[in-house]
N, C-alpha and C. Protein backbone atom coordinates (compact mmCIF):
# COMPACT_ATOMS: atom_id res chain seq x y z
N MET A 1 -27.78 -27.02 15.56
CA MET A 1 -26.64 -26.34 14.03
C MET A 1 -25.31 -25.77 14.37
N ILE A 2 -24.74 -26.37 13.72
CA ILE A 2 -22.62 -25.77 14.21
C ILE A 2 -22.24 -24.44 13.72
N PHE A 3 -21.73 -23.90 14.06
CA PHE A 3 -20.91 -22.71 13.61
C PHE A 3 -19.79 -22.58 13.74
N ILE A 4 -19.02 -23.02 12.28
CA ILE A 4 -17.57 -22.76 12.81
C ILE A 4 -16.91 -21.48 12.25
N TYR A 5 -16.13 -21.26 12.75
CA TYR A 5 -15.67 -19.23 12.75
C TYR A 5 -14.45 -19.47 11.71
N GLN A 6 -14.69 -18.84 11.08
CA GLN A 6 -13.58 -18.51 10.11
C GLN A 6 -12.82 -17.59 10.02
N GLU A 7 -11.23 -16.60 10.23
CA GLU A 7 -11.15 -15.35 9.83
C GLU A 7 -11.26 -14.69 8.97
N PRO A 8 -11.28 -13.61 9.43
CA PRO A 8 -11.08 -12.69 8.18
C PRO A 8 -10.49 -12.70 7.36
N PRO A 9 -10.75 -12.83 5.67
CA PRO A 9 -9.10 -12.80 5.07
C PRO A 9 -8.59 -11.83 5.28
N VAL A 10 -7.28 -11.98 4.89
CA VAL A 10 -6.23 -10.77 4.58
C VAL A 10 -5.91 -10.67 3.78
N TYR A 11 -5.71 -8.85 2.96
CA TYR A 11 -5.45 -8.36 2.22
C TYR A 11 -3.95 -7.23 2.42
N LEU A 12 -3.70 -8.59 1.20
CA LEU A 12 -2.38 -7.04 0.72
C LEU A 12 -2.84 -5.62 -0.32
N LEU A 13 -2.23 -4.90 0.29
CA LEU A 13 -2.45 -3.48 -0.45
C LEU A 13 -1.59 -3.77 -1.65
N PRO A 14 -1.60 -3.73 -3.21
CA PRO A 14 -1.05 -3.60 -4.32
C PRO A 14 0.55 -2.77 -3.51
N PHE A 15 1.41 -2.72 -3.97
CA PHE A 15 3.01 -2.16 -4.13
C PHE A 15 2.86 -2.45 -2.33
N ALA A 16 2.50 -3.13 -1.16
CA ALA A 16 3.02 -2.69 0.37
C ALA A 16 3.67 -3.57 0.18
N LEU A 17 4.19 -4.25 -0.58
CA LEU A 17 5.48 -4.80 -0.89
C LEU A 17 6.69 -4.33 -0.40
N GLY A 18 6.57 -3.49 -1.80
CA GLY A 18 7.36 -2.72 -2.41
C GLY A 18 7.91 -2.03 -1.29
N ASP A 19 6.96 -1.04 -1.01
CA ASP A 19 7.02 0.04 0.32
C ASP A 19 7.72 -0.28 1.75
N LEU A 20 7.15 -1.93 1.93
CA LEU A 20 7.76 -2.46 2.71
C LEU A 20 9.16 -2.76 2.91
N PHE A 21 10.03 -2.79 2.31
CA PHE A 21 11.13 -3.01 2.18
C PHE A 21 11.88 -1.94 2.12
N ALA A 22 11.46 -1.05 0.97
CA ALA A 22 12.02 0.02 1.27
C ALA A 22 12.18 0.92 2.48
N ASN A 23 11.06 0.40 3.19
CA ASN A 23 11.49 1.88 3.97
C ASN A 23 11.99 0.25 5.27
N ALA A 24 11.93 -0.74 5.36
CA ALA A 24 12.62 -1.12 6.53
C ALA A 24 14.25 -1.12 6.24
N ASN A 25 14.80 -1.00 4.82
CA ASN A 25 16.40 -0.77 4.72
C ASN A 25 16.52 1.20 4.96
N ALA A 26 15.70 1.76 4.50
CA ALA A 26 15.75 2.88 5.13
C ALA A 26 16.18 3.22 6.53
N THR A 27 15.02 2.12 6.97
CA THR A 27 15.01 2.67 8.58
C THR A 27 15.82 1.92 9.42
N GLY A 28 15.72 0.56 9.27
CA GLY A 28 16.98 -0.24 9.41
C GLY A 28 15.66 -0.74 11.15
N CYS A 29 14.59 -0.52 10.99
CA CYS A 29 13.21 -1.70 11.17
C CYS A 29 12.09 -1.99 10.92
N ILE A 30 11.50 -2.57 11.17
CA ILE A 30 10.20 -3.31 11.17
C ILE A 30 9.40 -2.87 11.82
N THR A 31 8.52 -2.00 11.42
CA THR A 31 7.03 -1.65 12.58
C THR A 31 5.81 -2.95 12.71
N LEU A 32 5.54 -2.79 13.91
CA LEU A 32 4.08 -3.68 13.86
C LEU A 32 3.03 -3.65 12.79
N ALA A 33 2.80 -2.63 12.03
CA ALA A 33 2.12 -2.47 10.31
C ALA A 33 2.96 -2.91 9.78
N ASP A 34 4.53 -3.29 9.60
CA ASP A 34 5.10 -4.12 8.98
C ASP A 34 4.44 -5.33 8.83
N ARG A 35 4.88 -5.79 9.83
CA ARG A 35 5.00 -7.28 10.01
C ARG A 35 3.34 -7.70 9.83
N TYR A 36 2.36 -6.79 10.05
CA TYR A 36 0.87 -7.50 10.05
C TYR A 36 1.14 -7.49 8.36
N GLY A 37 2.00 -6.27 7.39
CA GLY A 37 2.13 -6.70 6.07
C GLY A 37 2.69 -8.44 5.19
N LEU A 38 3.43 -8.62 5.65
CA LEU A 38 4.43 -10.05 5.92
C LEU A 38 3.47 -10.74 6.57
N MET A 39 2.72 -10.24 7.14
CA MET A 39 1.78 -11.78 7.26
C MET A 39 0.35 -11.52 6.70
N ALA A 40 -0.27 -10.91 5.71
CA ALA A 40 -0.76 -10.53 4.86
C ALA A 40 -0.52 -11.10 3.72
N ALA A 41 0.83 -11.09 3.33
CA ALA A 41 1.79 -11.56 2.03
C ALA A 41 1.78 -12.87 1.82
N ILE A 42 2.08 -13.62 3.29
CA ILE A 42 2.71 -14.91 3.10
C ILE A 42 1.41 -15.93 3.39
N PHE A 43 -0.60 -15.63 3.18
CA PHE A 43 -0.97 -16.12 3.38
C PHE A 43 -2.13 -15.40 2.03
N ASP A 44 -1.02 -15.09 1.16
CA ASP A 44 -1.58 -14.56 0.10
C ASP A 44 -1.02 -16.22 -0.91
N GLU A 45 -1.34 -16.45 -1.80
CA GLU A 45 -1.05 -18.04 -2.14
C GLU A 45 -1.26 -17.40 -3.70
N SER A 46 -1.05 -16.35 -4.15
CA SER A 46 -0.90 -15.47 -5.51
C SER A 46 0.32 -14.91 -5.51
N LEU A 47 1.39 -14.76 -4.81
CA LEU A 47 2.16 -14.02 -4.49
C LEU A 47 3.30 -14.49 -5.61
N PRO A 48 3.83 -13.40 -6.43
CA PRO A 48 4.83 -14.28 -7.11
C PRO A 48 6.43 -14.43 -6.67
N GLU A 49 7.34 -15.29 -7.18
CA GLU A 49 7.95 -15.60 -6.48
C GLU A 49 9.00 -14.56 -6.42
N ASP A 50 9.54 -14.04 -7.12
CA ASP A 50 9.68 -12.61 -6.76
C ASP A 50 9.95 -11.85 -5.27
N GLU A 51 8.47 -11.49 -4.87
CA GLU A 51 8.19 -11.09 -3.85
C GLU A 51 8.32 -12.44 -2.76
N LYS A 52 8.55 -13.99 -3.04
CA LYS A 52 8.20 -14.39 -2.24
C LYS A 52 10.26 -14.22 -1.61
N ARG A 53 11.02 -14.21 -2.22
CA ARG A 53 12.42 -13.98 -1.93
C ARG A 53 12.66 -13.07 -1.18
N SER A 54 12.21 -11.78 -1.42
CA SER A 54 12.24 -10.72 -1.10
C SER A 54 11.71 -10.32 0.56
N ILE A 55 10.71 -11.86 0.65
CA ILE A 55 10.26 -11.92 2.06
C ILE A 55 11.37 -12.70 2.58
N ASP A 56 11.80 -13.72 2.35
CA ASP A 56 12.62 -14.41 2.70
C ASP A 56 14.37 -13.21 2.98
N ARG A 57 14.20 -12.76 1.88
CA ARG A 57 15.36 -11.52 2.40
C ARG A 57 15.17 -10.65 3.73
N LEU A 58 14.01 -10.24 4.01
CA LEU A 58 13.99 -9.51 4.81
C LEU A 58 14.17 -10.39 6.17
N LEU A 59 13.80 -11.32 6.84
CA LEU A 59 13.60 -12.73 7.60
C LEU A 59 14.65 -12.26 7.84
N ARG A 60 15.81 -12.90 6.43
CA ARG A 60 17.31 -13.05 6.82
C ARG A 60 17.70 -11.61 7.41
N ALA A 61 17.57 -11.13 7.06
CA ALA A 61 18.03 -9.32 7.59
C ALA A 61 17.94 -9.99 8.87
N ILE A 62 16.19 -9.81 9.55
CA ILE A 62 16.10 -9.81 11.04
C ILE A 62 16.69 -10.40 11.70
N CYS A 63 16.90 -11.70 11.18
CA CYS A 63 17.93 -12.70 11.84
C CYS A 63 18.97 -12.51 11.99
N LYS A 64 19.97 -12.02 11.26
CA LYS A 64 20.59 -11.41 11.55
C LYS A 64 21.30 -10.10 12.65
N GLY A 65 20.20 -9.95 12.41
CA GLY A 65 20.24 -8.32 13.06
C GLY A 65 20.36 -7.21 12.64
N HIS A 66 20.28 -6.78 11.39
CA HIS A 66 20.38 -6.42 10.51
C HIS A 66 19.29 -4.77 10.80
N ILE A 67 17.78 -5.69 10.94
CA ILE A 67 16.60 -4.70 10.50
C ILE A 67 16.45 -5.33 12.30
N LYS A 68 15.74 -4.40 13.31
CA LYS A 68 15.75 -4.46 14.03
C LYS A 68 14.09 -4.31 14.34
N VAL A 69 13.44 -5.40 15.04
CA VAL A 69 11.61 -5.93 14.99
C VAL A 69 11.63 -4.38 15.99
N ILE A 70 10.75 -3.13 15.91
CA ILE A 70 10.11 -2.64 16.56
C ILE A 70 8.74 -2.97 17.71
N ASP A 71 8.30 -2.33 18.58
CA ASP A 71 6.69 -2.56 18.72
C ASP A 71 5.75 -1.50 18.99
N GLU A 72 6.45 -0.50 17.75
CA GLU A 72 5.33 0.95 17.61
C GLU A 72 4.68 0.40 16.18
N ILE A 73 3.61 1.48 15.80
CA ILE A 73 2.83 0.92 15.05
C ILE A 73 3.75 1.84 13.58
N SER A 74 3.93 2.91 13.81
CA SER A 74 4.72 3.17 12.50
C SER A 74 6.36 4.19 12.56
N THR A 75 6.86 4.71 11.77
CA THR A 75 8.33 4.90 12.42
C THR A 75 7.69 6.32 11.34
N MET A 76 6.63 6.88 11.55
CA MET A 76 6.31 8.30 11.00
C MET A 76 6.82 8.88 12.46
N ALA A 77 6.92 10.63 12.37
CA ALA A 77 6.75 10.85 13.50
C ALA A 77 5.73 11.96 13.75
């Protein structure tokens, strides 16, 4: 008998992307939790086109250095 390991599905919480974008723009950084949210969004095949474009804009901002990637779980104190 052969067992095939499957990764558990990753689900994006409703409205999580909007909160992620707003938080990244307000703080100028993206956290570890934000990166997991982005990963879930990227794997979501039913993601609307406008949210895909928002992800692209966020990734461009990171590449250009406008938003920093930090290794903290959250920016909450």
